[in-house]
Amino acid sequence: MIHILAICASILGFGCLCAAMARHQKDMLGRTLSRQAQPWLRGAGGAVLLVALATDMAGLGAANGAIAWFGHLTIGAAMAVIGLKWKTA
């Protein structure tokens, strides 16, 4: 269950980071966001990735949680890229 939560948090975090980039906003949201919203999305994306780290460390211990976090980040980033490519295709 810890792995599923961390992977979902990673996907959400990378989704927020993608939405913070002007080049992906049109593909994801259908419009561009204001310049004031971009730092908020960037901060939210980073915070959600830290939540994934905290989830992993709480469930698996500090050492194993940090190692699992990198794997979960990889899966989350891959899913975000696949989602962007699938949406634009």
C-alpha atoms as a PDB file:
ATOM      1  CA  MET A   1       0.000   0.000   0.000  1.00  0.00           C
ATOM      2  CA  ILE A   2       2.911   2.337   0.735  1.00  0.00           C
ATOM      3  CA  HIS A   3       4.220   1.831  -2.791  1.00  0.00           C
ATOM      4  CA  ILE A   4       0.875   2.693  -4.374  1.00  0.00           C
ATOM      5  CA  LEU A   5       0.551   5.881  -2.316  1.00  0.00           C
ATOM      6  CA  ALA A   6       4.096   6.969  -3.118  1.00  0.00           C
ATOM      7  CA  ILE A   7       3.684   6.268  -6.837  1.00  0.00           C
ATOM      8  CA  CYS A   8       0.394   8.206  -6.940  1.00  0.00           C
ATOM      9  CA  ALA A   9       2.048  11.115  -5.116  1.00  0.00           C
ATOM     10  CA  SER A  10       4.957  11.012  -7.569  1.00  0.00           C
ATOM     11  CA  ILE A  11       2.628  11.084 -10.570  1.00  0.00           C
ATOM     12  CA  LEU A  12       0.715  14.003  -9.059  1.00  0.00           C
ATOM     13  CA  GLY A  13       3.927  15.857  -8.206  1.00  0.00           C
ATOM     14  CA  PHE A  14       5.372  15.493 -11.680  1.00  0.00           C
ATOM     15  CA  GLY A  15       2.001  16.434 -13.142  1.00  0.00           C
ATOM     16  CA  CYS A  16       2.095  19.684 -11.179  1.00  0.00           C
ATOM     17  CA  LEU A  17       5.659  20.336 -12.321  1.00  0.00           C
ATOM     18  CA  CYS A  18       4.623  19.742 -15.945  1.00  0.00           C
ATOM     19  CA  ALA A  19       1.639  22.056 -15.551  1.00  0.00           C
ATOM     20  CA  ALA A  20       3.976  24.744 -14.204  1.00  0.00           C
ATOM     21  CA  MET A  21       5.857  24.772 -17.513  1.00  0.00           C
ATOM     22  CA  ALA A  22       4.391  27.071 -20.151  1.00  0.00           C
ATOM     23  CA  ARG A  23       5.181  24.636 -22.971  1.00  0.00           C
ATOM     24  CA  HIS A  24       2.999  21.897 -21.429  1.00  0.00           C
ATOM     25  CA  GLN A  25       0.070  24.014 -20.212  1.00  0.00           C
ATOM     26  CA  LYS A  26      -1.675  24.132 -23.584  1.00  0.00           C
ATOM     27  CA  ASP A  27      -1.473  20.338 -23.924  1.00  0.00           C
ATOM     28  CA  MET A  28      -2.546  19.551 -20.366  1.00  0.00           C
ATOM     29  CA  LEU A  29      -5.065  22.270 -19.604  1.00  0.00           C
ATOM     30  CA  GLY A  30      -6.079  23.613 -22.993  1.00  0.00           C
ATOM     31  CA  ARG A  31      -4.926  27.096 -22.058  1.00  0.00           C
ATOM     32  CA  THR A  32      -1.955  28.923 -20.591  1.00  0.00           C
ATOM     33  CA  LEU A  33      -1.927  29.890 -16.952  1.00  0.00           C
ATOM     34  CA  SER A  34      -0.986  33.249 -15.520  1.00  0.00           C
ATOM     35  CA  ARG A  35       2.604  33.838 -14.517  1.00  0.00           C
ATOM     36  CA  GLN A  36       1.480  34.055 -10.882  1.00  0.00           C
ATOM     37  CA  ALA A  37       0.136  30.488 -10.934  1.00  0.00           C
ATOM     38  CA  GLN A  38       3.349  28.911 -12.207  1.00  0.00           C
ATOM     39  CA  PRO A  39       5.405  29.279  -8.991  1.00  0.00           C
ATOM     40  CA  TRP A  40       2.496  27.891  -6.979  1.00  0.00           C
ATOM     41  CA  LEU A  41       2.308  24.810  -9.172  1.00  0.00           C
ATOM     42  CA  ARG A  42       6.076  24.392  -9.003  1.00  0.00           C
ATOM     43  CA  GLY A  43       5.981  24.590  -5.212  1.00  0.00           C
ATOM     44  CA  ALA A  44       3.022  22.231  -4.996  1.00  0.00           C
ATOM     45  CA  GLY A  45       4.790  19.720  -7.233  1.00  0.00           C
ATOM     46  CA  GLY A  46       7.906  19.794  -5.082  1.00  0.00           C
ATOM     47  CA  ALA A  47       5.858  19.509  -1.905  1.00  0.00           C
ATOM     48  CA  VAL A  48       3.954  16.482  -3.207  1.00  0.00           C
ATOM     49  CA  LEU A  49       7.242  14.810  -4.153  1.00  0.00           C
ATOM     50  CA  LEU A  50       8.428  15.392  -0.585  1.00  0.00           C
ATOM     51  CA  VAL A  51       5.179  13.829   0.651  1.00  0.00           C
ATOM     52  CA  ALA A  52       6.082  10.770  -1.416  1.00  0.00           C
ATOM     53  CA  LEU A  53       9.489  10.711   0.295  1.00  0.00           C
ATOM     54  CA  ALA A  54       7.897  11.006   3.731  1.00  0.00           C
ATOM     55  CA  THR A  55       5.446   8.227   2.878  1.00  0.00           C
ATOM     56  CA  ASP A  56       8.253   5.928   1.789  1.00  0.00           C
ATOM     57  CA  MET A  57      10.406   6.685   4.815  1.00  0.00           C
ATOM     58  CA  ALA A  58       7.513   6.245   7.234  1.00  0.00           C
ATOM     59  CA  GLY A  59       6.500   2.921   5.765  1.00  0.00           C
ATOM     60  CA  LEU A  60       9.851   1.395   4.863  1.00  0.00           C
ATOM     61  CA  GLY A  61      12.360   3.085   7.160  1.00  0.00           C
ATOM     62  CA  ALA A  62      14.776   5.862   6.314  1.00  0.00           C
ATOM     63  CA  ALA A  63      17.323   3.922   4.245  1.00  0.00           C
ATOM     64  CA  ASN A  64      14.960   1.656   2.340  1.00  0.00           C
ATOM     65  CA  GLY A  65      12.435   4.478   1.972  1.00  0.00           C
ATOM     66  CA  ALA A  66      14.987   6.729   0.283  1.00  0.00           C
ATOM     67  CA  ILE A  67      15.946   3.957  -2.129  1.00  0.00           C
ATOM     68  CA  ALA A  68      12.307   3.144  -2.904  1.00  0.00           C
ATOM     69  CA  TRP A  69      11.608   6.860  -3.381  1.00  0.00           C
ATOM     70  CA  PHE A  70      14.001   7.011  -6.330  1.00  0.00           C
ATOM     71  CA  GLY A  71      12.216   4.089  -7.931  1.00  0.00           C
ATOM     72  CA  HIS A  72       8.846   5.690  -7.320  1.00  0.00           C
ATOM     73  CA  LEU A  73      10.106   8.975  -8.773  1.00  0.00           C
ATOM     74  CA  THR A  74      11.204   7.116 -11.887  1.00  0.00           C
ATOM     75  CA  ILE A  75       7.784   5.520 -12.296  1.00  0.00           C
ATOM     76  CA  GLY A  76       6.016   8.832 -11.630  1.00  0.00           C
ATOM     77  CA  ALA A  77       8.149  10.715 -14.149  1.00  0.00           C
ATOM     78  CA  ALA A  78       7.640   8.016 -16.775  1.00  0.00           C
ATOM     79  CA  MET A  79       3.877   8.078 -16.241  1.00  0.00           C
ATOM     80  CA  ALA A  80       3.815  11.884 -16.524  1.00  0.00           C
ATOM     81  CA  VAL A  81       5.761  11.755 -19.800  1.00  0.00           C
ATOM     82  CA  ILE A  82       3.518   8.997 -21.159  1.00  0.00           C
ATOM     83  CA  GLY A  83       0.471  11.038 -20.165  1.00  0.00           C
ATOM     84  CA  LEU A  84       1.799  14.105 -21.970  1.00  0.00           C
ATOM     85  CA  LYS A  85       2.652  12.160 -25.106  1.00  0.00           C
ATOM     86  CA  TRP A  86      -0.666  10.316 -25.108  1.00  0.00           C
ATOM     87  CA  LYS A  87      -2.590  13.575 -24.680  1.00  0.00           C
ATOM     88  CA  THR A  88      -0.780  15.270 -27.585  1.00  0.00           C
ATOM     89  CA  ALA A  89      -1.012  12.301 -29.960  1.00  0.00           C
END
